PDB file of N, CA and C in Angstrom:
ATOM      1  N   MET A   1     134.663  98.647  78.011  1.00  0.00           N
ATOM      2  CA  MET A   1     133.237  98.706  77.719  1.00  0.00           C
ATOM      3  C   MET A   1     132.461  98.796  79.042  1.00  0.00           C
ATOM      4  N   ALA A   2     131.373  99.512  79.026  1.00  0.00           N
ATOM      5  CA  ALA A   2     130.571  99.724  80.226  1.00  0.00           C
ATOM      6  C   ALA A   2     129.899  98.433  80.677  1.00  0.00           C
ATOM      7  N   ARG A   3     129.623  98.332  81.980  1.00  0.00           N
ATOM      8  CA  ARG A   3     128.892  97.204  82.549  1.00  0.00           C
ATOM      9  C   ARG A   3     127.487  97.199  81.977  1.00  0.00           C
ATOM     10  N   LYS A   4     126.966  95.997  81.691  1.00  0.00           N
ATOM     11  CA  LYS A   4     125.626  95.881  81.134  1.00  0.00           C
ATOM     12  C   LYS A   4     124.860  94.770  81.830  1.00  0.00           C
ATOM     13  N   LYS A   5     123.531  94.888  81.879  1.00  0.00           N
ATOM     14  CA  LYS A   5     122.627  93.832  82.343  1.00  0.00           C
ATOM     15  C   LYS A   5     121.247  94.166  81.803  1.00  0.00           C
ATOM     16  N   VAL A   6     120.367  93.168  81.726  1.00  0.00           N
ATOM     17  CA  VAL A   6     118.990  93.443  81.321  1.00  0.00           C
ATOM     18  C   VAL A   6     118.343  94.255  82.437  1.00  0.00           C
ATOM     19  N   ASP A   7     117.776  95.395  82.091  1.00  0.00           N
ATOM     20  CA  ASP A   7     117.191  96.289  83.080  1.00  0.00           C
ATOM     21  C   ASP A   7     115.701  96.051  83.239  1.00  0.00           C
ATOM     22  N   HIS A   8     114.960  96.066  82.132  1.00  0.00           N
ATOM     23  CA  HIS A   8     113.517  95.859  82.225  1.00  0.00           C
ATOM     24  C   HIS A   8     112.945  95.382  80.904  1.00  0.00           C
ATOM     25  N   ILE A   9     111.727  94.875  80.970  1.00  0.00           N
ATOM     26  CA  ILE A   9     110.966  94.450  79.799  1.00  0.00           C
ATOM     27  C   ILE A   9     109.749  95.359  79.718  1.00  0.00           C
ATOM     28  N   GLY A  10     109.512  95.986  78.573  1.00  0.00           N
ATOM     29  CA  GLY A  10     108.386  96.902  78.389  1.00  0.00           C
ATOM     30  C   GLY A  10     107.205  96.198  77.741  1.00  0.00           C
ATOM     31  N   ILE A  11     106.033  96.304  78.359  1.00  0.00           N
ATOM     32  CA  ILE A  11     104.816  95.672  77.855  1.00  0.00           C
ATOM     33  C   ILE A  11     103.771  96.756  77.615  1.00  0.00           C
ATOM     34  N   VAL A  12     103.276  96.836  76.374  1.00  0.00           N
ATOM     35  CA  VAL A  12     102.243  97.811  76.039  1.00  0.00           C
ATOM     36  C   VAL A  12     100.903  97.285  76.532  1.00  0.00           C
ATOM     37  N   VAL A  13     100.152  98.128  77.277  1.00  0.00           N
ATOM     38  CA  VAL A  13      98.855  97.729  77.839  1.00  0.00           C
ATOM     39  C   VAL A  13      97.786  98.752  77.465  1.00  0.00           C
ATOM     40  N   ARG A  14      96.538  98.301  77.478  1.00  0.00           N
ATOM     41  CA  ARG A  14      95.408  99.188  77.202  1.00  0.00           C
ATOM     42  C   ARG A  14      94.991  99.969  78.447  1.00  0.00           C
ATOM     43  N   ASP A  15      95.014  99.295  79.604  1.00  0.00           N
ATOM     44  CA  ASP A  15      94.526  99.889  80.849  1.00  0.00           C
ATOM     45  C   ASP A  15      95.592  99.730  81.924  1.00  0.00           C
ATOM     46  N   LEU A  16      96.291 100.791  82.217  1.00  0.00           N
ATOM     47  CA  LEU A  16      97.407 100.751  83.154  1.00  0.00           C
ATOM     48  C   LEU A  16      96.964 100.316  84.547  1.00  0.00           C
ATOM     49  N   GLU A  17      95.840 100.846  85.026  1.00  0.00           N
ATOM     50  CA  GLU A  17      95.378 100.520  86.381  1.00  0.00           C
ATOM     51  C   GLU A  17      95.065  99.034  86.520  1.00  0.00           C
ATOM     52  N   THR A  18      94.353  98.489  85.530  1.00  0.00           N
ATOM     53  CA  THR A  18      94.018  97.065  85.565  1.00  0.00           C
ATOM     54  C   THR A  18      95.277  96.214  85.536  1.00  0.00           C
ATOM     55  N   SER A  19      96.239  96.602  84.689  1.00  0.00           N
ATOM     56  CA  SER A  19      97.480  95.836  84.581  1.00  0.00           C
ATOM     57  C   SER A  19      98.307  95.919  85.856  1.00  0.00           C
ATOM     58  N   ILE A  20      98.396  97.103  86.451  1.00  0.00           N
ATOM     59  CA  ILE A  20      99.126  97.236  87.722  1.00  0.00           C
ATOM     60  C   ILE A  20      98.500  96.331  88.776  1.00  0.00           C
ATOM     61  N   SER A  21      97.177  96.375  88.886  1.00  0.00           N
ATOM     62  CA  SER A  21      96.490  95.532  89.875  1.00  0.00           C
ATOM     63  C   SER A  21      96.778  94.053  89.643  1.00  0.00           C
ATOM     64  N   PHE A  22      96.698  93.624  88.380  1.00  0.00           N
ATOM     65  CA  PHE A  22      96.956  92.222  88.052  1.00  0.00           C
ATOM     66  C   PHE A  22      98.374  91.822  88.467  1.00  0.00           C
ATOM     67  N   TYR A  23      99.359  92.593  88.061  1.00  0.00           N
ATOM     68  CA  TYR A  23     100.745  92.246  88.360  1.00  0.00           C
ATOM     69  C   TYR A  23     101.023  92.255  89.862  1.00  0.00           C
ATOM     70  N   GLN A  24     100.344  93.147  90.599  1.00  0.00           N
ATOM     71  CA  GLN A  24     100.532  93.177  92.051  1.00  0.00           C
ATOM     72  C   GLN A  24      99.824  92.003  92.721  1.00  0.00           C
ATOM     73  N   GLU A  25      98.565  91.769  92.350  1.00  0.00           N
ATOM     74  CA  GLU A  25      97.769  90.747  93.030  1.00  0.00           C
ATOM     75  C   GLU A  25      98.143  89.330  92.610  1.00  0.00           C
ATOM     76  N   VAL A  26      98.373  89.108  91.333  1.00  0.00           N
ATOM     77  CA  VAL A  26      98.617  87.760  90.841  1.00  0.00           C
ATOM     78  C   VAL A  26     100.092  87.381  90.916  1.00  0.00           C
ATOM     79  N   LEU A  27     100.985  88.313  90.572  1.00  0.00           N
ATOM     80  CA  LEU A  27     102.416  88.005  90.550  1.00  0.00           C
ATOM     81  C   LEU A  27     103.172  88.522  91.763  1.00  0.00           C
ATOM     82  N   ASP A  28     102.475  89.248  92.648  1.00  0.00           N
ATOM     83  CA  ASP A  28     103.067  89.791  93.866  1.00  0.00           C
ATOM     84  C   ASP A  28     104.189  90.794  93.597  1.00  0.00           C
ATOM     85  N   LEU A  29     104.173  91.410  92.407  1.00  0.00           N
ATOM     86  CA  LEU A  29     105.127  92.479  92.109  1.00  0.00           C
ATOM     87  C   LEU A  29     104.719  93.736  92.859  1.00  0.00           C
ATOM     88  N   LYS A  30     105.666  94.583  93.146  1.00  0.00           N
ATOM     89  CA  LYS A  30     105.419  95.848  93.839  1.00  0.00           C
ATOM     90  C   LYS A  30     105.588  97.003  92.856  1.00  0.00           C
ATOM     91  N   LEU A  31     104.690  97.964  92.933  1.00  0.00           N
ATOM     92  CA  LEU A  31     104.810  99.167  92.118  1.00  0.00           C
ATOM     93  C   LEU A  31     105.970  99.993  92.663  1.00  0.00           C
ATOM     94  N   LYS A  32     106.975 100.211  91.830  1.00  0.00           N
ATOM     95  CA  LYS A  32     108.170 100.927  92.258  1.00  0.00           C
ATOM     96  C   LYS A  32     108.166 102.378  91.821  1.00  0.00           C
ATOM     97  N   ALA A  33     107.559 102.666  90.661  1.00  0.00           N
ATOM     98  CA  ALA A  33     107.532 104.047  90.167  1.00  0.00           C
ATOM     99  C   ALA A  33     106.473 104.179  89.087  1.00  0.00           C
ATOM    100  N   ARG A  34     105.892 105.375  89.018  1.00  0.00           N
ATOM    101  CA  ARG A  34     105.003 105.761  87.913  1.00  0.00           C
ATOM    102  C   ARG A  34     105.547 107.047  87.335  1.00  0.00           C
ATOM    103  N   VAL A  35     105.564 107.127  86.000  1.00  0.00           N
ATOM    104  CA  VAL A  35     106.132 108.287  85.330  1.00  0.00           C
ATOM    105  C   VAL A  35     105.260 108.651  84.143  1.00  0.00           C
ATOM    106  N   LEU A  36     104.968 109.930  84.009  1.00  0.00           N
ATOM    107  CA  LEU A  36     104.348 110.432  82.788  1.00  0.00           C
ATOM    108  C   LEU A  36     105.495 110.814  81.866  1.00  0.00           C
ATOM    109  N   HIS A  37     105.495 110.234  80.670  1.00  0.00           N
ATOM    110  CA  HIS A  37     106.568 110.500  79.712  1.00  0.00           C
ATOM    111  C   HIS A  37     106.594 111.992  79.380  1.00  0.00           C
ATOM    112  N   THR A  38     107.722 112.470  78.915  1.00  0.00           N
ATOM    113  CA  THR A  38     107.861 113.883  78.573  1.00  0.00           C
ATOM    114  C   THR A  38     106.938 114.292  77.424  1.00  0.00           C
ATOM    115  N   ASN A  39     106.412 113.319  76.652  1.00  0.00           N
ATOM    116  CA  ASN A  39     105.474 113.664  75.576  1.00  0.00           C
ATOM    117  C   ASN A  39     104.074 113.952  76.122  1.00  0.00           C
ATOM    118  N   GLY A  40     103.858 113.749  77.435  1.00  0.00           N
ATOM    119  CA  GLY A  40     102.584 114.067  78.086  1.00  0.00           C
ATOM    120  C   GLY A  40     101.465 113.089  77.802  1.00  0.00           C
ATOM    121  N   VAL A  41     101.727 112.029  77.062  1.00  0.00           N
ATOM    122  CA  VAL A  41     100.698 111.062  76.677  1.00  0.00           C
ATOM    123  C   VAL A  41     100.965 109.691  77.275  1.00  0.00           C
ATOM    124  N   ILE A  42     102.154 109.194  77.071  1.00  0.00           N
ATOM    125  CA  ILE A  42     102.489 107.836  77.503  1.00  0.00           C
ATOM    126  C   ILE A  42     102.690 107.814  79.018  1.00  0.00           C
ATOM    127  N   GLN A  43     102.017 106.842  79.665  1.00  0.00           N
ATOM    128  CA  GLN A  43     102.171 106.633  81.093  1.00  0.00           C
ATOM    129  C   GLN A  43     102.951 105.350  81.314  1.00  0.00           C
ATOM    130  N   LEU A  44     103.900 105.388  82.245  1.00  0.00           N
ATOM    131  CA  LEU A  44     104.763 104.251  82.533  1.00  0.00           C
ATOM    132  C   LEU A  44     104.609 103.836  83.987  1.00  0.00           C
ATOM    133  N   ALA A  45     104.651 102.529  84.233  1.00  0.00           N
ATOM    134  CA  ALA A  45     104.666 101.998  85.600  1.00  0.00           C
ATOM    135  C   ALA A  45     105.751 100.931  85.653  1.00  0.00           C
ATOM    136  N   PHE A  46     106.648 101.042  86.628  1.00  0.00           N
ATOM    137  CA  PHE A  46     107.727 100.075  86.813  1.00  0.00           C
ATOM    138  C   PHE A  46     107.406  99.221  88.028  1.00  0.00           C
ATOM    139  N   LEU A  47     107.442  97.893  87.842  1.00  0.00           N
ATOM    140  CA  LEU A  47     107.144  96.956  88.914  1.00  0.00           C
ATOM    141  C   LEU A  47     108.304  95.992  89.097  1.00  0.00           C
ATOM    142  N   GLY A  48     108.536  95.582  90.350  1.00  0.00           N
ATOM    143  CA  GLY A  48     109.614  94.637  90.640  1.00  0.00           C
ATOM    144  C   GLY A  48     109.341  93.928  91.948  1.00  0.00           C
ATOM    145  N   TYR A  49     110.293  93.107  92.363  1.00  0.00           N
ATOM    146  CA  TYR A  49     110.095  92.297  93.557  1.00  0.00           C
ATOM    147  C   TYR A  49     110.756  92.816  94.814  1.00  0.00           C
ATOM    148  N   ASP A  50     111.915  93.430  94.735  1.00  0.00           N
ATOM    149  CA  ASP A  50     112.604  93.668  96.001  1.00  0.00           C
ATOM    150  C   ASP A  50     113.167  95.067  96.197  1.00  0.00           C
ATOM    151  N   GLY A  51     112.768  96.024  95.420  1.00  0.00           N
ATOM    152  CA  GLY A  51     113.211  97.389  95.649  1.00  0.00           C
ATOM    153  C   GLY A  51     114.646  97.667  95.233  1.00  0.00           C
ATOM    154  N   THR A  52     115.342  96.662  94.737  1.00  0.00           N
ATOM    155  CA  THR A  52     116.697  96.900  94.229  1.00  0.00           C
ATOM    156  C   THR A  52     116.590  97.174  92.741  1.00  0.00           C
ATOM    157  N   ASP A  53     117.713  97.189  92.069  1.00  0.00           N
ATOM    158  CA  ASP A  53     117.713  97.418  90.626  1.00  0.00           C
ATOM    159  C   ASP A  53     117.624  96.107  89.847  1.00  0.00           C
ATOM    160  N   GLU A  54     116.805  95.176  90.347  1.00  0.00           N
ATOM    161  CA  GLU A  54     116.623  93.919  89.625  1.00  0.00           C
ATOM    162  C   GLU A  54     115.876  94.171  88.324  1.00  0.00           C
ATOM    163  N   THR A  55     115.832  93.183  87.455  1.00  0.00           N
ATOM    164  CA  THR A  55     115.074  93.315  86.212  1.00  0.00           C
ATOM    165  C   THR A  55     113.624  93.614  86.548  1.00  0.00           C
ATOM    166  N   GLU A  56     113.059  94.613  85.901  1.00  0.00           N
ATOM    167  CA  GLU A  56     111.705  95.058  86.187  1.00  0.00           C
ATOM    168  C   GLU A  56     110.778  94.810  84.998  1.00  0.00           C
ATOM    169  N   ILE A  57     109.482  94.917  85.280  1.00  0.00           N
ATOM    170  CA  ILE A  57     108.456  94.943  84.254  1.00  0.00           C
ATOM    171  C   ILE A  57     108.024  96.409  84.125  1.00  0.00           C
ATOM    172  N   GLU A  58     108.047  96.931  82.903  1.00  0.00           N
ATOM    173  CA  GLU A  58     107.569  98.291  82.644  1.00  0.00           C
ATOM    174  C   GLU A  58     106.258  98.179  81.874  1.00  0.00           C
ATOM    175  N   LEU A  59     105.185  98.702  82.443  1.00  0.00           N
ATOM    176  CA  LEU A  59     103.896  98.747  81.761  1.00  0.00           C
ATOM    177  C   LEU A  59     103.779 100.097  81.063  1.00  0.00           C
ATOM    178  N   ILE A  60     103.325 100.077  79.803  1.00  0.00           N
ATOM    179  CA  ILE A  60     103.291 101.277  78.968  1.00  0.00           C
ATOM    180  C   ILE A  60     101.869 101.483  78.460  1.00  0.00           C
ATOM    181  N   GLN A  61     101.223 102.580  78.853  1.00  0.00           N
ATOM    182  CA  GLN A  61      99.883 102.907  78.354  1.00  0.00           C
ATOM    183  C   GLN A  61      99.963 104.160  77.498  1.00  0.00           C
ATOM    184  N   GLY A  62      99.262 104.144  76.354  1.00  0.00           N
ATOM    185  CA  GLY A  62      99.193 105.329  75.509  1.00  0.00           C
ATOM    186  C   GLY A  62     100.127 105.290  74.325  1.00  0.00           C
ATOM    187  N   TYR A  63     100.856 104.200  74.171  1.00  0.00           N
ATOM    188  CA  TYR A  63     101.794 104.107  73.054  1.00  0.00           C
ATOM    189  C   TYR A  63     101.081 103.860  71.728  1.00  0.00           C
ATOM    190  N   SER A  64     100.037 103.011  71.759  1.00  0.00           N
ATOM    191  CA  SER A  64      99.333 102.663  70.534  1.00  0.00           C
ATOM    192  C   SER A  64      97.873 102.354  70.849  1.00  0.00           C
ATOM    193  N   ASP A  65      96.982 102.793  69.980  1.00  0.00           N
ATOM    194  CA  ASP A  65      95.567 102.487  70.143  1.00  0.00           C
ATOM    195  C   ASP A  65      95.171 101.187  69.463  1.00  0.00           C
ATOM    196  N   SER A  66      96.046 100.641  68.630  1.00  0.00           N
ATOM    197  CA  SER A  66      95.700  99.438  67.879  1.00  0.00           C
ATOM    198  C   SER A  66      96.572  98.272  68.327  1.00  0.00           C
ATOM    199  N   LEU A  67      96.204  97.678  69.451  1.00  0.00           N
ATOM    200  CA  LEU A  67      96.950  96.553  69.986  1.00  0.00           C
ATOM    201  C   LEU A  67      96.281  95.244  69.589  1.00  0.00           C
ATOM    202  N   PRO A  68      97.072  94.211  69.312  1.00  0.00           N
ATOM    203  CA  PRO A  68      96.479  92.900  69.050  1.00  0.00           C
ATOM    204  C   PRO A  68      95.906  92.320  70.339  1.00  0.00           C
ATOM    205  N   SER A  69      95.181  91.222  70.231  1.00  0.00           N
ATOM    206  CA  SER A  69      94.600  90.621  71.437  1.00  0.00           C
ATOM    207  C   SER A  69      95.682  89.983  72.309  1.00  0.00           C
ATOM    208  N   GLU A  70      96.825  89.617  71.721  1.00  0.00           N
ATOM    209  CA  GLU A  70      97.922  89.054  72.506  1.00  0.00           C
ATOM    210  C   GLU A  70      98.736  90.184  73.126  1.00  0.00           C
ATOM    211  N   ALA A  71      99.504  89.827  74.137  1.00  0.00           N
ATOM    212  CA  ALA A  71     100.374  90.816  74.767  1.00  0.00           C
ATOM    213  C   ALA A  71     101.399  91.321  73.759  1.00  0.00           C
ATOM    214  N   THR A  72     101.805  92.551  73.904  1.00  0.00           N
ATOM    215  CA  THR A  72     102.792  93.147  73.021  1.00  0.00           C
ATOM    216  C   THR A  72     104.007  93.552  73.848  1.00  0.00           C
ATOM    217  N   ILE A  73     105.118  92.925  73.575  1.00  0.00           N
ATOM    218  CA  ILE A  73     106.361  93.341  74.214  1.00  0.00           C
ATOM    219  C   ILE A  73     106.939  94.444  73.346  1.00  0.00           C
ATOM    220  N   HIS A  74     107.064  95.601  73.900  1.00  0.00           N
ATOM    221  CA  HIS A  74     107.526  96.769  73.162  1.00  0.00           C
ATOM    222  C   HIS A  74     109.041  96.760  72.985  1.00  0.00           C
ATOM    223  N   HIS A  75     109.773  96.419  74.053  1.00  0.00           N
ATOM    224  CA  HIS A  75     111.229  96.484  74.003  1.00  0.00           C
ATOM    225  C   HIS A  75     111.824  95.750  75.186  1.00  0.00           C
ATOM    226  N   PHE A  76     113.123  95.537  75.150  1.00  0.00           N
ATOM    227  CA  PHE A  76     113.847  95.169  76.356  1.00  0.00           C
ATOM    228  C   PHE A  76     114.987  96.152  76.526  1.00  0.00           C
ATOM    229  N   ALA A  77     115.434  96.309  77.767  1.00  0.00           N
ATOM    230  CA  ALA A  77     116.406  97.358  78.070  1.00  0.00           C
ATOM    231  C   ALA A  77     117.658  96.769  78.701  1.00  0.00           C
ATOM    232  N   ILE A  78     118.783  97.341  78.311  1.00  0.00           N
ATOM    233  CA  ILE A  78     120.080  96.984  78.853  1.00  0.00           C
ATOM    234  C   ILE A  78     120.569  98.160  79.693  1.00  0.00           C
ATOM    235  N   THR A  79     120.886  97.883  80.958  1.00  0.00           N
ATOM    236  CA  THR A  79     121.439  98.916  81.832  1.00  0.00           C
ATOM    237  C   THR A  79     122.869  99.216  81.437  1.00  0.00           C
ATOM    238  N   VAL A  80     123.200 100.494  81.373  1.00  0.00           N
ATOM    239  CA  VAL A  80     124.584 100.915  81.117  1.00  0.00           C
ATOM    240  C   VAL A  80     125.005 101.923  82.184  1.00  0.00           C
ATOM    241  N   ASP A  81     126.301 101.951  82.458  1.00  0.00           N
ATOM    242  CA  ASP A  81     126.840 102.888  83.446  1.00  0.00           C
ATOM    243  C   ASP A  81     126.980 104.299  82.901  1.00  0.00           C
ATOM    244  N   ASP A  82     127.247 104.411  81.600  1.00  0.00           N
ATOM    245  CA  ASP A  82     127.510 105.714  80.993  1.00  0.00           C
ATOM    246  C   ASP A  82     126.748 105.785  79.667  1.00  0.00           C
ATOM    247  N   ILE A  83     125.568 106.386  79.691  1.00  0.00           N
ATOM    248  CA  ILE A  83     124.686 106.417  78.516  1.00  0.00           C
ATOM    249  C   ILE A  83     125.333 107.178  77.357  1.00  0.00           C
ATOM    250  N   GLU A  84     126.058 108.237  77.655  1.00  0.00           N
ATOM    251  CA  GLU A  84     126.698 109.005  76.585  1.00  0.00           C
ATOM    252  C   GLU A  84     127.792 108.205  75.889  1.00  0.00           C
ATOM    253  N   GLU A  85     128.569 107.455  76.671  1.00  0.00           N
ATOM    254  CA  GLU A  85     129.612 106.600  76.106  1.00  0.00           C
ATOM    255  C   GLU A  85     128.991 105.539  75.190  1.00  0.00           C
ATOM    256  N   GLU A  86     127.897 104.923  75.641  1.00  0.00           N
ATOM    257  CA  GLU A  86     127.235 103.902  74.829  1.00  0.00           C
ATOM    258  C   GLU A  86     126.633 104.501  73.565  1.00  0.00           C
ATOM    259  N   TYR A  87     126.044 105.680  73.669  1.00  0.00           N
ATOM    260  CA  TYR A  87     125.448 106.329  72.496  1.00  0.00           C
ATOM    261  C   TYR A  87     126.535 106.619  71.455  1.00  0.00           C
ATOM    262  N   ALA A  88     127.655 107.125  71.907  1.00  0.00           N
ATOM    263  CA  ALA A  88     128.770 107.426  70.996  1.00  0.00           C
ATOM    264  C   ALA A  88     129.299 106.139  70.354  1.00  0.00           C
ATOM    265  N   ARG A  89     129.395 105.065  71.139  1.00  0.00           N
ATOM    266  CA  ARG A  89     129.883 103.789  70.607  1.00  0.00           C
ATOM    267  C   ARG A  89     128.932 103.247  69.545  1.00  0.00           C
ATOM    268  N   ILE A  90     127.623 103.273  69.837  1.00  0.00           N
ATOM    269  CA  ILE A  90     126.617 102.740  68.915  1.00  0.00           C
ATOM    270  C   ILE A  90     126.589 103.562  67.619  1.00  0.00           C
ATOM    271  N   GLN A  91     126.725 104.875  67.735  1.00  0.00           N
ATOM    272  CA  GLN A  91     126.713 105.733  66.543  1.00  0.00           C
ATOM    273  C   GLN A  91     127.796 105.350  65.546  1.00  0.00           C
ATOM    274  N   LYS A  92     128.888 104.808  66.023  1.00  0.00           N
ATOM    275  CA  LYS A  92     130.016 104.451  65.159  1.00  0.00           C
ATOM    276  C   LYS A  92     129.822 103.116  64.440  1.00  0.00           C
ATOM    277  N   LEU A  93     128.852 102.317  64.874  1.00  0.00           N
ATOM    278  CA  LEU A  93     128.656 100.995  64.290  1.00  0.00           C
ATOM    279  C   LEU A  93     127.860 101.097  62.995  1.00  0.00           C
ATOM    280  N   GLU A  94     128.389 100.552  61.922  1.00  0.00           N
ATOM    281  CA  GLU A  94     127.738 100.649  60.619  1.00  0.00           C
ATOM    282  C   GLU A  94     126.520  99.744  60.482  1.00  0.00           C
ATOM    283  N   ASN A  95     126.477  98.632  61.232  1.00  0.00           N
ATOM    284  CA  ASN A  95     125.383  97.676  61.085  1.00  0.00           C
ATOM    285  C   ASN A  95     124.247  97.892  62.089  1.00  0.00           C
ATOM    286  N   VAL A  96     124.213  99.035  62.754  1.00  0.00           N
ATOM    287  CA  VAL A  96     123.174  99.325  63.752  1.00  0.00           C
ATOM    288  C   VAL A  96     122.459 100.611  63.376  1.00  0.00           C
ATOM    289  N   LYS A  97     121.124 100.571  63.419  1.00  0.00           N
ATOM    290  CA  LYS A  97     120.319 101.763  63.129  1.00  0.00           C
ATOM    291  C   LYS A  97     119.725 102.304  64.418  1.00  0.00           C
ATOM    292  N   LEU A  98     120.044 103.548  64.716  1.00  0.00           N
ATOM    293  CA  LEU A  98     119.458 104.227  65.880  1.00  0.00           C
ATOM    294  C   LEU A  98     117.999 104.569  65.606  1.00  0.00           C
ATOM    295  N   ILE A  99     117.158 104.433  66.613  1.00  0.00           N
ATOM    296  CA  ILE A  99     115.768 104.889  66.529  1.00  0.00           C
ATOM    297  C   ILE A  99     115.690 106.333  67.011  1.00  0.00           C
ATOM    298  N   ASP A 100     116.373 106.622  68.109  1.00  0.00           N
ATOM    299  CA  ASP A 100     116.366 107.972  68.684  1.00  0.00           C
ATOM    300  C   ASP A 100     117.548 108.778  68.161  1.00  0.00           C
ATOM    301  N   GLU A 101     117.300 110.036  67.831  1.00  0.00           N
ATOM    302  CA  GLU A 101     118.356 110.921  67.336  1.00  0.00           C
ATOM    303  C   GLU A 101     119.132 111.588  68.463  1.00  0.00           C
ATOM    304  N   GLU A 102     118.696 111.334  69.692  1.00  0.00           N
ATOM    305  CA  GLU A 102     119.395 111.881  70.856  1.00  0.00           C
ATOM    306  C   GLU A 102     119.036 111.044  72.074  1.00  0.00           C
ATOM    307  N   ILE A 103     119.773 111.239  73.146  1.00  0.00           N
ATOM    308  CA  ILE A 103     119.461 110.580  74.412  1.00  0.00           C
ATOM    309  C   ILE A 103     118.265 111.305  75.029  1.00  0.00           C
ATOM    310  N   ILE A 104     117.282 110.551  75.474  1.00  0.00           N
ATOM    311  CA  ILE A 104     116.061 111.119  76.059  1.00  0.00           C
ATOM    312  C   ILE A 104     116.165 111.043  77.576  1.00  0.00           C
ATOM    313  N   THR A 105     115.773 112.124  78.246  1.00  0.00           N
ATOM    314  CA  THR A 105     115.778 112.163  79.709  1.00  0.00           C
ATOM    315  C   THR A 105     114.349 112.315  80.202  1.00  0.00           C
ATOM    316  N   LEU A 106     113.901 111.358  81.028  1.00  0.00           N
ATOM    317  CA  LEU A 106     112.567 111.411  81.628  1.00  0.00           C
ATOM    318  C   LEU A 106     112.571 112.336  82.833  1.00  0.00           C
ATOM    319  N   PRO A 107     111.387 112.785  83.301  1.00  0.00           N
ATOM    320  CA  PRO A 107     111.328 113.689  84.447  1.00  0.00           C
ATOM    321  C   PRO A 107     111.981 113.136  85.722  1.00  0.00           C
ATOM    322  N   ASN A 108     112.050 111.799  85.863  1.00  0.00           N
ATOM    323  CA  ASN A 108     112.666 111.227  87.056  1.00  0.00           C
ATOM    324  C   ASN A 108     114.182 111.068  86.916  1.00  0.00           C
ATOM    325  N   GLY A 109     114.749 111.543  85.799  1.00  0.00           N
ATOM    326  CA  GLY A 109     116.192 111.500  85.603  1.00  0.00           C
ATOM    327  C   GLY A 109     116.692 110.289  84.835  1.00  0.00           C
ATOM    328  N   TYR A 110     115.847 109.281  84.609  1.00  0.00           N
ATOM    329  CA  TYR A 110     116.257 108.124  83.809  1.00  0.00           C
ATOM    330  C   TYR A 110     116.561 108.603  82.400  1.00  0.00           C
ATOM    331  N   ARG A 111     117.600 108.020  81.780  1.00  0.00           N
ATOM    332  CA  ARG A 111     118.001 108.426  80.426  1.00  0.00           C
ATOM    333  C   ARG A 111     118.076 107.183  79.543  1.00  0.00           C
ATOM    334  N   TYR A 112     117.698 107.341  78.268  1.00  0.00           N
ATOM    335  CA  TYR A 112     117.684 106.178  77.387  1.00  0.00           C
ATOM    336  C   TYR A 112     117.763 106.582  75.918  1.00  0.00           C
ATOM    337  N   PHE A 113     118.050 105.560  75.088  1.00  0.00           N
ATOM    338  CA  PHE A 113     117.883 105.654  73.643  1.00  0.00           C
ATOM    339  C   PHE A 113     117.631 104.247  73.119  1.00  0.00           C
ATOM    340  N   TYR A 114     116.979 104.175  71.948  1.00  0.00           N
ATOM    341  CA  TYR A 114     116.641 102.896  71.323  1.00  0.00           C
ATOM    342  C   TYR A 114     117.437 102.684  70.040  1.00  0.00           C
ATOM    343  N   ILE A 115     117.686 101.389  69.749  1.00  0.00           N
ATOM    344  CA  ILE A 115     118.211 100.963  68.456  1.00  0.00           C
ATOM    345  C   ILE A 115     117.305  99.845  67.935  1.00  0.00           C
ATOM    346  N   TYR A 116     117.402  99.565  66.637  1.00  0.00           N
ATOM    347  CA  TYR A 116     116.729  98.411  66.065  1.00  0.00           C
ATOM    348  C   TYR A 116     117.632  97.190  66.176  1.00  0.00           C
ATOM    349  N   GLY A 117     117.021  96.041  66.530  1.00  0.00           N
ATOM    350  CA  GLY A 117     117.705  94.767  66.430  1.00  0.00           C
ATOM    351  C   GLY A 117     117.559  94.247  65.007  1.00  0.00           C
ATOM    352  N   PRO A 118     118.094  93.068  64.733  1.00  0.00           N
ATOM    353  CA  PRO A 118     118.089  92.541  63.373  1.00  0.00           C
ATOM    354  C   PRO A 118     116.702  92.249  62.808  1.00  0.00           C
ATOM    355  N   GLU A 119     115.700  92.026  63.662  1.00  0.00           N
ATOM    356  CA  GLU A 119     114.328  91.778  63.215  1.00  0.00           C
ATOM    357  C   GLU A 119     113.438  92.997  63.442  1.00  0.00           C
ATOM    358  N   LYS A 120     114.061  94.154  63.597  1.00  0.00           N
ATOM    359  CA  LYS A 120     113.369  95.421  63.872  1.00  0.00           C
ATOM    360  C   LYS A 120     112.781  95.483  65.283  1.00  0.00           C
ATOM    361  N   GLU A 121     113.215  94.565  66.162  1.00  0.00           N
ATOM    362  CA  GLU A 121     112.821  94.687  67.565  1.00  0.00           C
ATOM    363  C   GLU A 121     113.539  95.891  68.158  1.00  0.00           C
ATOM    364  N   TRP A 122     112.910  96.486  69.174  1.00  0.00           N
ATOM    365  CA  TRP A 122     113.498  97.663  69.801  1.00  0.00           C
ATOM    366  C   TRP A 122     114.347  97.227  70.988  1.00  0.00           C
ATOM    367  N   ILE A 123     115.565  97.743  71.050  1.00  0.00           N
ATOM    368  CA  ILE A 123     116.474  97.484  72.164  1.00  0.00           C
ATOM    369  C   ILE A 123     116.830  98.845  72.763  1.00  0.00           C
ATOM    370  N   GLU A 124     116.623  98.946  74.060  1.00  0.00           N
ATOM    371  CA  GLU A 124     116.851 100.218  74.748  1.00  0.00           C
ATOM    372  C   GLU A 124     118.144 100.142  75.572  1.00  0.00           C
ATOM    373  N   PHE A 125     118.945 101.197  75.490  1.00  0.00           N
ATOM    374  CA  PHE A 125     120.072 101.367  76.395  1.00  0.00           C
ATOM    375  C   PHE A 125     119.591 102.365  77.438  1.00  0.00           C
ATOM    376  N   PHE A 126     119.766 102.020  78.718  1.00  0.00           N
ATOM    377  CA  PHE A 126     119.060 102.685  79.808  1.00  0.00           C
ATOM    378  C   PHE A 126     119.992 102.973  80.965  1.00  0.00           C
ATOM    379  N   GLN A 127     119.954 104.205  81.474  1.00  0.00           N
ATOM    380  CA  GLN A 127     120.747 104.571  82.653  1.00  0.00           C
ATOM    381  C   GLN A 127     119.824 105.205  83.674  1.00  0.00           C
ATOM    382  N   ARG A 128     119.834 104.663  84.872  1.00  0.00           N
ATOM    383  CA  ARG A 128     119.032 105.218  85.964  1.00  0.00           C
ATOM    384  C   ARG A 128     119.713 106.442  86.535  1.00  0.00           C
TER     385      ARG A 128
END
């Protein structure tokens, strides 16, 4: 089985710039990358502490216009060494429902797919 670790936590935000500033100024996180999703709408910002592949915070703007007043955690991600191997393994499991019908590749080369957890939470398998 491929090596795994928690890669990042995705948080849906209304204002990406305000959230980036807050996380940098208050939590001393560093902006590591910004990516416009391939759908041309969703904007992503990845923040972390030390420039390595430590667990990151992913801020997500444009996913939903109807957010509650509380923070919304969209998903958590598990790093995998071989995304295709994991996708094939997950497809064979009868008790797991895939959200994505294929592996998605972002413009920066990151690849991922989502599954539902038992409470319909989103779990992402992610390869940098």
